[in-house]
Amino acid sequence: MSITRKKGPLYLQVKKIIKDRILHGVYPLGTNIPSEPLLEKEFQVSKMTIRSAMQELAQEGYVEKKSGVGTIVLRNTSFSKLSKGKRFTEILVEEGHKIEKKVLGAALADIEEGTELRRLFGARCRKIERLYFLDGEPYIHYIHFFSEAVWLDEAAGLPDMQSLYDLIEESRIELESFRDRFTVGFASAETGKLLGVPEGAPLLKRLRYSFDAEGNAVEHSVGFYNTELQHYLVNYDA
């Protein structure tokens, strides 16, 4: 995997990629991260870059390096200052599942007048389409819309496993509140093909909104979940 200095310090880019893999079960809890030589070869960076990335992850409690054993995954959940509720993907990873993401497209899109998107974002927004896989099976079809304040190099593309909230953070935008709505949706021809279900099949439809401190919409996402594969789960800590 290639990374570039245009996106910031190399060790931070490596750290984010490895952290995302931990959070999505690519590197399960209690297992070893690939060795430094393998990571150097994958990312095409120096040994010091890999070590700096691993030191950051160790300081945040995600990994621990043990002599003669290697670097072990200690934690696979993140912390949200906005809620005690764990993210859905984190719950699945804790249960031993593996989550993968594939970017289907990213573009700057014009918005039709009279639509909800026009009310939220104005004349244009950034659009990212992704497909989530659960243990190798297509599970969620997501379409994300962002305000133009969120920086995205459409020509360079978006790494499949990158957290979209990291993308917002890199744009120096701080999210203040979220809102979720759930309803029953029906698979379009495209969604049905992606999820492997018939057109018109009932699916869980999730509508998510994110706002900054001034109440401006930053993100609106529409997700279609194949709950025949896995129910939607919510766990709250006391």
C-alpha atoms as a PDB file:
ATOM      1  CA  MET A   1       0.000   0.000   0.000  1.00  0.00           C
ATOM      2  CA  SER A   2       1.396   3.379  -1.005  1.00  0.00           C
ATOM      3  CA  ILE A   3       1.179   6.469   1.189  1.00  0.00           C
ATOM      4  CA  THR A   4       2.326   9.994   0.394  1.00  0.00           C
ATOM      5  CA  ARG A   5       3.868  12.895   2.304  1.00  0.00           C
ATOM      6  CA  LYS A   6       1.184  15.162   0.824  1.00  0.00           C
ATOM      7  CA  LYS A   7      -1.247  13.708   3.387  1.00  0.00           C
ATOM      8  CA  GLY A   8       0.955  14.488   6.393  1.00  0.00           C
ATOM      9  CA  PRO A   9       3.606  12.647   8.436  1.00  0.00           C
ATOM     10  CA  LEU A  10       4.083   9.112   7.157  1.00  0.00           C
ATOM     11  CA  TYR A  11       4.065   7.514  10.605  1.00  0.00           C
ATOM     12  CA  LEU A  12       0.635   9.014  11.361  1.00  0.00           C
ATOM     13  CA  GLN A  13      -0.748   7.637   8.098  1.00  0.00           C
ATOM     14  CA  VAL A  14       0.619   4.187   8.929  1.00  0.00           C
ATOM     15  CA  LYS A  15      -0.802   4.465  12.451  1.00  0.00           C
ATOM     16  CA  LYS A  16      -4.284   5.310  11.167  1.00  0.00           C
ATOM     17  CA  ILE A  17      -4.298   2.414   8.717  1.00  0.00           C
ATOM     18  CA  ILE A  18      -3.182  -0.109  11.336  1.00  0.00           C
ATOM     19  CA  LYS A  19      -5.649   1.321  13.882  1.00  0.00           C
ATOM     20  CA  ASP A  20      -8.503   0.964  11.398  1.00  0.00           C
ATOM     21  CA  ARG A  21      -7.496  -2.643  10.784  1.00  0.00           C
ATOM     22  CA  ILE A  22      -7.562  -3.305  14.529  1.00  0.00           C
ATOM     23  CA  LEU A  23     -10.969  -1.655  14.959  1.00  0.00           C
ATOM     24  CA  HIS A  24     -12.414  -3.681  12.084  1.00  0.00           C
ATOM     25  CA  GLY A  25     -11.065  -7.071  13.127  1.00  0.00           C
ATOM     26  CA  VAL A  26      -8.433  -7.438  10.419  1.00  0.00           C
ATOM     27  CA  TYR A  27      -5.960  -7.803  13.292  1.00  0.00           C
ATOM     28  CA  PRO A  28      -8.085  -9.539  15.976  1.00  0.00           C
ATOM     29  CA  LEU A  29      -7.722  -9.055  19.709  1.00  0.00           C
ATOM     30  CA  GLY A  30      -4.832 -11.057  21.134  1.00  0.00           C
ATOM     31  CA  THR A  31      -3.146 -11.675  17.788  1.00  0.00           C
ATOM     32  CA  ASN A  32       0.130 -10.298  16.462  1.00  0.00           C
ATOM     33  CA  ILE A  33       0.526  -7.296  14.180  1.00  0.00           C
ATOM     34  CA  PRO A  34       2.689  -8.189  11.138  1.00  0.00           C
ATOM     35  CA  SER A  35       6.418  -7.830  11.773  1.00  0.00           C
ATOM     36  CA  GLU A  36       8.278  -4.579  11.171  1.00  0.00           C
ATOM     37  CA  PRO A  37       9.990  -5.870   7.971  1.00  0.00           C
ATOM     38  CA  LEU A  38       6.602  -6.883   6.515  1.00  0.00           C
ATOM     39  CA  LEU A  39       5.075  -3.485   7.343  1.00  0.00           C
ATOM     40  CA  GLU A  40       8.120  -1.679   5.922  1.00  0.00           C
ATOM     41  CA  LYS A  41       7.670  -3.621   2.676  1.00  0.00           C
ATOM     42  CA  GLU A  42       3.899  -3.039   2.537  1.00  0.00           C
ATOM     43  CA  PHE A  43       4.003   0.711   3.162  1.00  0.00           C
ATOM     44  CA  GLN A  44       7.386   1.331   1.522  1.00  0.00           C
ATOM     45  CA  VAL A  45       8.680   3.311   4.501  1.00  0.00           C
ATOM     46  CA  SER A  46      11.625   3.155   6.885  1.00  0.00           C
ATOM     47  CA  LYS A  47      11.925   1.112  10.056  1.00  0.00           C
ATOM     48  CA  MET A  48      11.778   4.312  12.128  1.00  0.00           C
ATOM     49  CA  THR A  49       8.457   5.261  10.517  1.00  0.00           C
ATOM     50  CA  ILE A  50       6.946   1.889  11.470  1.00  0.00           C
ATOM     51  CA  ARG A  51       8.350   2.081  15.000  1.00  0.00           C
ATOM     52  CA  SER A  52       6.970   5.596  15.506  1.00  0.00           C
ATOM     53  CA  ALA A  53       3.534   4.437  14.362  1.00  0.00           C
ATOM     54  CA  MET A  54       3.600   1.447  16.697  1.00  0.00           C
ATOM     55  CA  GLN A  55       4.753   3.586  19.622  1.00  0.00           C
ATOM     56  CA  GLU A  56       1.736   5.863  19.141  1.00  0.00           C
ATOM     57  CA  LEU A  57      -0.601   2.855  19.057  1.00  0.00           C
ATOM     58  CA  ALA A  58       1.038   1.465  22.186  1.00  0.00           C
ATOM     59  CA  GLN A  59       0.614   4.796  24.015  1.00  0.00           C
ATOM     60  CA  GLU A  60      -3.099   4.739  23.146  1.00  0.00           C
ATOM     61  CA  GLY A  61      -3.401   1.208  24.511  1.00  0.00           C
ATOM     62  CA  TYR A  62      -4.093  -0.621  21.255  1.00  0.00           C
ATOM     63  CA  VAL A  63      -0.947  -2.745  21.124  1.00  0.00           C
ATOM     64  CA  GLU A  64       1.949  -3.958  23.263  1.00  0.00           C
ATOM     65  CA  LYS A  65       5.364  -5.070  22.064  1.00  0.00           C
ATOM     66  CA  LYS A  66       6.723  -8.142  23.859  1.00  0.00           C
ATOM     67  CA  SER A  67      10.283  -9.329  23.468  1.00  0.00           C
ATOM     68  CA  GLY A  68      10.477 -12.594  21.565  1.00  0.00           C
ATOM     69  CA  VAL A  69       6.739 -12.568  20.875  1.00  0.00           C
ATOM     70  CA  GLY A  70       6.034  -9.523  18.706  1.00  0.00           C
ATOM     71  CA  THR A  71       3.452  -6.758  18.831  1.00  0.00           C
ATOM     72  CA  ILE A  72       0.104  -7.941  20.222  1.00  0.00           C
ATOM     73  CA  VAL A  73      -3.335  -6.322  19.893  1.00  0.00           C
ATOM     74  CA  LEU A  74      -4.577  -5.365  23.368  1.00  0.00           C
ATOM     75  CA  ARG A  75      -7.687  -3.299  22.566  1.00  0.00           C
ATOM     76  CA  ASN A  76     -10.029  -3.101  19.582  1.00  0.00           C
ATOM     77  CA  THR A  77     -12.498  -0.393  20.598  1.00  0.00           C
ATOM     78  CA  SER A  78     -12.285   3.382  20.327  1.00  0.00           C
ATOM     79  CA  PHE A  79     -13.650   6.047  22.646  1.00  0.00           C
ATOM     80  CA  SER A  80     -16.385   8.522  21.736  1.00  0.00           C
ATOM     81  CA  LYS A  81     -16.753  11.652  23.838  1.00  0.00           C
ATOM     82  CA  LEU A  82     -20.324  12.046  22.564  1.00  0.00           C
ATOM     83  CA  SER A  83     -21.852   8.784  23.780  1.00  0.00           C
ATOM     84  CA  LYS A  84     -21.327   5.765  25.984  1.00  0.00           C
ATOM     85  CA  GLY A  85     -22.775   3.639  23.214  1.00  0.00           C
ATOM     86  CA  LYS A  86     -20.303   1.484  21.344  1.00  0.00           C
ATOM     87  CA  ARG A  87     -20.194   1.756  17.586  1.00  0.00           C
ATOM     88  CA  PHE A  88     -21.960  -1.070  15.787  1.00  0.00           C
ATOM     89  CA  THR A  89     -18.833  -2.237  13.987  1.00  0.00           C
ATOM     90  CA  GLU A  90     -16.959  -2.377  17.304  1.00  0.00           C
ATOM     91  CA  ILE A  91     -19.590  -4.691  18.759  1.00  0.00           C
ATOM     92  CA  LEU A  92     -19.273  -7.010  15.777  1.00  0.00           C
ATOM     93  CA  VAL A  93     -15.475  -7.032  16.010  1.00  0.00           C
ATOM     94  CA  GLU A  94     -15.666  -7.807  19.747  1.00  0.00           C
ATOM     95  CA  GLU A  95     -17.821 -10.814  18.865  1.00  0.00           C
ATOM     96  CA  GLY A  96     -15.090 -12.094  16.546  1.00  0.00           C
ATOM     97  CA  HIS A  97     -16.340 -10.805  13.184  1.00  0.00           C
ATOM     98  CA  LYS A  98     -14.209  -9.139  10.535  1.00  0.00           C
ATOM     99  CA  ILE A  99     -15.362  -5.913   8.849  1.00  0.00           C
ATOM    100  CA  GLU A 100     -13.978  -4.758   5.502  1.00  0.00           C
ATOM    101  CA  LYS A 101     -14.896  -1.719   3.409  1.00  0.00           C
ATOM    102  CA  LYS A 102     -14.640  -1.036  -0.296  1.00  0.00           C
ATOM    103  CA  VAL A 103     -14.931   2.455  -1.793  1.00  0.00           C
ATOM    104  CA  LEU A 104     -17.183   2.317  -4.861  1.00  0.00           C
ATOM    105  CA  GLY A 105     -16.806   5.973  -5.797  1.00  0.00           C
ATOM    106  CA  ALA A 106     -16.002   9.491  -4.577  1.00  0.00           C
ATOM    107  CA  ALA A 107     -17.007  12.715  -6.307  1.00  0.00           C
ATOM    108  CA  LEU A 108     -18.106  16.326  -5.931  1.00  0.00           C
ATOM    109  CA  ALA A 109     -21.825  16.270  -6.742  1.00  0.00           C
ATOM    110  CA  ASP A 110     -24.356  18.909  -7.760  1.00  0.00           C
ATOM    111  CA  ILE A 111     -27.579  18.841  -5.706  1.00  0.00           C
ATOM    112  CA  GLU A 112     -31.073  19.246  -7.102  1.00  0.00           C
ATOM    113  CA  GLU A 113     -33.202  22.076  -5.784  1.00  0.00           C
ATOM    114  CA  GLY A 114     -36.016  21.223  -3.394  1.00  0.00           C
ATOM    115  CA  THR A 115     -34.269  18.176  -1.911  1.00  0.00           C
ATOM    116  CA  GLU A 116     -33.198  17.472   1.649  1.00  0.00           C
ATOM    117  CA  LEU A 117     -29.567  17.452   0.554  1.00  0.00           C
ATOM    118  CA  ARG A 118     -29.997  20.957  -0.906  1.00  0.00           C
ATOM    119  CA  ARG A 119     -31.373  22.143   2.441  1.00  0.00           C
ATOM    120  CA  LEU A 120     -28.472  20.547   4.307  1.00  0.00           C
ATOM    121  CA  PHE A 121     -25.525  21.412   2.082  1.00  0.00           C
ATOM    122  CA  GLY A 122     -26.514  23.957  -0.547  1.00  0.00           C
ATOM    123  CA  ALA A 123     -25.769  23.576  -4.254  1.00  0.00           C
ATOM    124  CA  ARG A 124     -22.964  21.016  -3.983  1.00  0.00           C
ATOM    125  CA  CYS A 125     -21.633  18.349  -1.659  1.00  0.00           C
ATOM    126  CA  ARG A 126     -19.053  15.602  -1.585  1.00  0.00           C
ATOM    127  CA  LYS A 127     -20.370  12.087  -2.171  1.00  0.00           C
ATOM    128  CA  ILE A 128     -18.712   8.811  -1.189  1.00  0.00           C
ATOM    129  CA  GLU A 129     -20.247   5.395  -1.863  1.00  0.00           C
ATOM    130  CA  ARG A 130     -19.010   2.325   0.018  1.00  0.00           C
ATOM    131  CA  LEU A 131     -19.789  -1.347   0.470  1.00  0.00           C
ATOM    132  CA  TYR A 132     -19.185  -3.028   3.831  1.00  0.00           C
ATOM    133  CA  PHE A 133     -18.379  -6.727   4.087  1.00  0.00           C
ATOM    134  CA  LEU A 134     -19.058  -8.906   7.136  1.00  0.00           C
ATOM    135  CA  ASP A 135     -16.734 -11.926   7.228  1.00  0.00           C
ATOM    136  CA  GLY A 136     -16.326 -11.621   3.471  1.00  0.00           C
ATOM    137  CA  GLU A 137     -20.056 -11.293   2.673  1.00  0.00           C
ATOM    138  CA  PRO A 138     -21.558  -7.991   1.379  1.00  0.00           C
ATOM    139  CA  TYR A 139     -23.524  -6.529   4.274  1.00  0.00           C
ATOM    140  CA  ILE A 140     -24.106  -2.739   4.078  1.00  0.00           C
ATOM    141  CA  HIS A 141     -24.434  -0.410   1.099  1.00  0.00           C
ATOM    142  CA  TYR A 142     -23.636   3.122   2.264  1.00  0.00           C
ATOM    143  CA  ILE A 143     -23.885   6.464   0.480  1.00  0.00           C
ATOM    144  CA  HIS A 144     -22.256   9.334   2.399  1.00  0.00           C
ATOM    145  CA  PHE A 145     -22.766  13.024   1.702  1.00  0.00           C
ATOM    146  CA  PHE A 146     -20.482  15.696   3.179  1.00  0.00           C
ATOM    147  CA  SER A 147     -20.339  19.460   3.118  1.00  0.00           C
ATOM    148  CA  GLU A 148     -17.674  20.965   0.870  1.00  0.00           C
ATOM    149  CA  ALA A 149     -15.823  22.000   4.039  1.00  0.00           C
ATOM    150  CA  VAL A 150     -14.701  18.378   4.353  1.00  0.00           C
ATOM    151  CA  TRP A 151     -11.513  18.087   2.335  1.00  0.00           C
ATOM    152  CA  LEU A 152     -11.309  15.191  -0.096  1.00  0.00           C
ATOM    153  CA  ASP A 153      -8.993  14.715  -3.049  1.00  0.00           C
ATOM    154  CA  GLU A 154     -11.396  12.904  -5.382  1.00  0.00           C
ATOM    155  CA  ALA A 155      -8.622  12.360  -7.944  1.00  0.00           C
ATOM    156  CA  ALA A 156      -6.429  10.559  -5.401  1.00  0.00           C
ATOM    157  CA  GLY A 157      -9.337   8.539  -4.056  1.00  0.00           C
ATOM    158  CA  LEU A 158     -10.060   7.398  -0.506  1.00  0.00           C
ATOM    159  CA  PRO A 159      -8.432   4.391   1.191  1.00  0.00           C
ATOM    160  CA  ASP A 160     -11.010   1.620   1.594  1.00  0.00           C
ATOM    161  CA  MET A 161     -10.562   1.240   5.345  1.00  0.00           C
ATOM    162  CA  GLN A 162     -10.204   4.904   6.299  1.00  0.00           C
ATOM    163  CA  SER A 163     -12.631   6.155   8.905  1.00  0.00           C
ATOM    164  CA  LEU A 164     -14.814   8.913   7.505  1.00  0.00           C
ATOM    165  CA  TYR A 165     -14.684  10.616  10.884  1.00  0.00           C
ATOM    166  CA  ASP A 166     -10.902  10.756  10.564  1.00  0.00           C
ATOM    167  CA  LEU A 167     -11.487  12.508   7.249  1.00  0.00           C
ATOM    168  CA  ILE A 168     -13.698  15.077   9.005  1.00  0.00           C
ATOM    169  CA  GLU A 169     -11.114  15.520  11.766  1.00  0.00           C
ATOM    170  CA  GLU A 170      -8.350  16.052   9.205  1.00  0.00           C
ATOM    171  CA  SER A 171     -10.494  18.855   7.763  1.00  0.00           C
ATOM    172  CA  ARG A 172     -10.314  20.551  11.198  1.00  0.00           C
ATOM    173  CA  ILE A 173     -14.046  20.141  11.775  1.00  0.00           C
ATOM    174  CA  GLU A 174     -15.251  19.168  15.237  1.00  0.00           C
ATOM    175  CA  LEU A 175     -18.539  17.306  15.391  1.00  0.00           C
ATOM    176  CA  GLU A 176     -20.887  18.266  18.188  1.00  0.00           C
ATOM    177  CA  SER A 177     -23.987  16.118  17.705  1.00  0.00           C
ATOM    178  CA  PHE A 178     -25.386  13.147  15.804  1.00  0.00           C
ATOM    179  CA  ARG A 179     -28.867  11.991  14.877  1.00  0.00           C
ATOM    180  CA  ASP A 180     -29.939   8.551  13.619  1.00  0.00           C
ATOM    181  CA  ARG A 181     -33.221   7.473  12.079  1.00  0.00           C
ATOM    182  CA  PHE A 182     -34.129   3.882  11.255  1.00  0.00           C
ATOM    183  CA  THR A 183     -36.847   2.680   8.922  1.00  0.00           C
ATOM    184  CA  VAL A 184     -37.618  -0.079   6.442  1.00  0.00           C
ATOM    185  CA  GLY A 185     -36.161   0.434   2.983  1.00  0.00           C
ATOM    186  CA  PHE A 186     -36.378  -1.612  -0.178  1.00  0.00           C
ATOM    187  CA  ALA A 187     -33.438  -2.673  -2.306  1.00  0.00           C
ATOM    188  CA  SER A 188     -32.981  -0.777  -5.548  1.00  0.00           C
ATOM    189  CA  ALA A 189     -31.561  -2.681  -8.502  1.00  0.00           C
ATOM    190  CA  GLU A 190     -28.067  -1.371  -7.648  1.00  0.00           C
ATOM    191  CA  THR A 191     -28.282  -2.063  -3.900  1.00  0.00           C
ATOM    192  CA  GLY A 192     -29.778  -5.503  -4.503  1.00  0.00           C
ATOM    193  CA  LYS A 193     -26.943  -6.417  -6.859  1.00  0.00           C
ATOM    194  CA  LEU A 194     -24.304  -5.190  -4.393  1.00  0.00           C
ATOM    195  CA  LEU A 195     -25.823  -6.984  -1.386  1.00  0.00           C
ATOM    196  CA  GLY A 196     -26.848 -10.115  -3.248  1.00  0.00           C
ATOM    197  CA  VAL A 197     -30.578  -9.726  -2.549  1.00  0.00           C
ATOM    198  CA  PRO A 198     -33.550  -9.400  -4.949  1.00  0.00           C
ATOM    199  CA  GLU A 199     -34.622  -5.950  -6.088  1.00  0.00           C
ATOM    200  CA  GLY A 200     -37.397  -4.751  -3.774  1.00  0.00           C
ATOM    201  CA  ALA A 201     -36.238  -6.907  -0.858  1.00  0.00           C
ATOM    202  CA  PRO A 202     -36.894  -5.251   2.554  1.00  0.00           C
ATOM    203  CA  LEU A 203     -33.749  -3.922   4.249  1.00  0.00           C
ATOM    204  CA  LEU A 204     -32.974  -1.946   7.375  1.00  0.00           C
ATOM    205  CA  LYS A 205     -32.450   1.656   6.252  1.00  0.00           C
ATOM    206  CA  ARG A 206     -30.342   3.944   8.449  1.00  0.00           C
ATOM    207  CA  LEU A 207     -30.293   7.717   8.029  1.00  0.00           C
ATOM    208  CA  ARG A 208     -27.446   9.384   9.915  1.00  0.00           C
ATOM    209  CA  TYR A 209     -26.770  13.102  10.376  1.00  0.00           C
ATOM    210  CA  SER A 210     -23.726  14.818  11.905  1.00  0.00           C
ATOM    211  CA  PHE A 211     -23.544  18.492  12.908  1.00  0.00           C
ATOM    212  CA  ASP A 212     -20.824  20.902  14.038  1.00  0.00           C
ATOM    213  CA  ALA A 213     -21.013  23.215  17.073  1.00  0.00           C
ATOM    214  CA  GLU A 214     -22.907  25.874  15.048  1.00  0.00           C
ATOM    215  CA  GLY A 215     -25.562  23.379  14.004  1.00  0.00           C
ATOM    216  CA  ASN A 216     -24.315  23.135  10.411  1.00  0.00           C
ATOM    217  CA  ALA A 217     -24.755  19.777   8.723  1.00  0.00           C
ATOM    218  CA  VAL A 218     -21.390  18.127   8.074  1.00  0.00           C
ATOM    219  CA  GLU A 219     -22.464  14.618   7.081  1.00  0.00           C
ATOM    220  CA  HIS A 220     -25.585  12.786   5.972  1.00  0.00           C
ATOM    221  CA  SER A 221     -25.335   9.059   5.304  1.00  0.00           C
ATOM    222  CA  VAL A 222     -27.862   6.554   3.987  1.00  0.00           C
ATOM    223  CA  GLY A 223     -27.158   2.908   4.707  1.00  0.00           C
ATOM    224  CA  PHE A 224     -28.972  -0.269   3.668  1.00  0.00           C
ATOM    225  CA  TYR A 225     -28.299  -3.284   5.934  1.00  0.00           C
ATOM    226  CA  ASN A 226     -28.924  -6.900   5.001  1.00  0.00           C
ATOM    227  CA  THR A 227     -30.163  -7.942   8.455  1.00  0.00           C
ATOM    228  CA  GLU A 228     -30.705 -11.504   7.234  1.00  0.00           C
ATOM    229  CA  LEU A 229     -26.929 -11.731   7.471  1.00  0.00           C
ATOM    230  CA  GLN A 230     -26.615  -9.970  10.857  1.00  0.00           C
ATOM    231  CA  HIS A 231     -29.074  -8.028  13.030  1.00  0.00           C
ATOM    232  CA  TYR A 232     -28.266  -4.434  13.947  1.00  0.00           C
ATOM    233  CA  LEU A 233     -26.930  -4.334  17.518  1.00  0.00           C
ATOM    234  CA  VAL A 234     -26.705  -1.567  20.109  1.00  0.00           C
ATOM    235  CA  ASN A 235     -24.866  -2.035  23.435  1.00  0.00           C
ATOM    236  CA  TYR A 236     -24.678   0.643  26.130  1.00  0.00           C
ATOM    237  CA  ASP A 237     -22.284   0.678  29.070  1.00  0.00           C
ATOM    238  CA  ALA A 238     -23.816   1.618  32.413  1.00  0.00           C
END
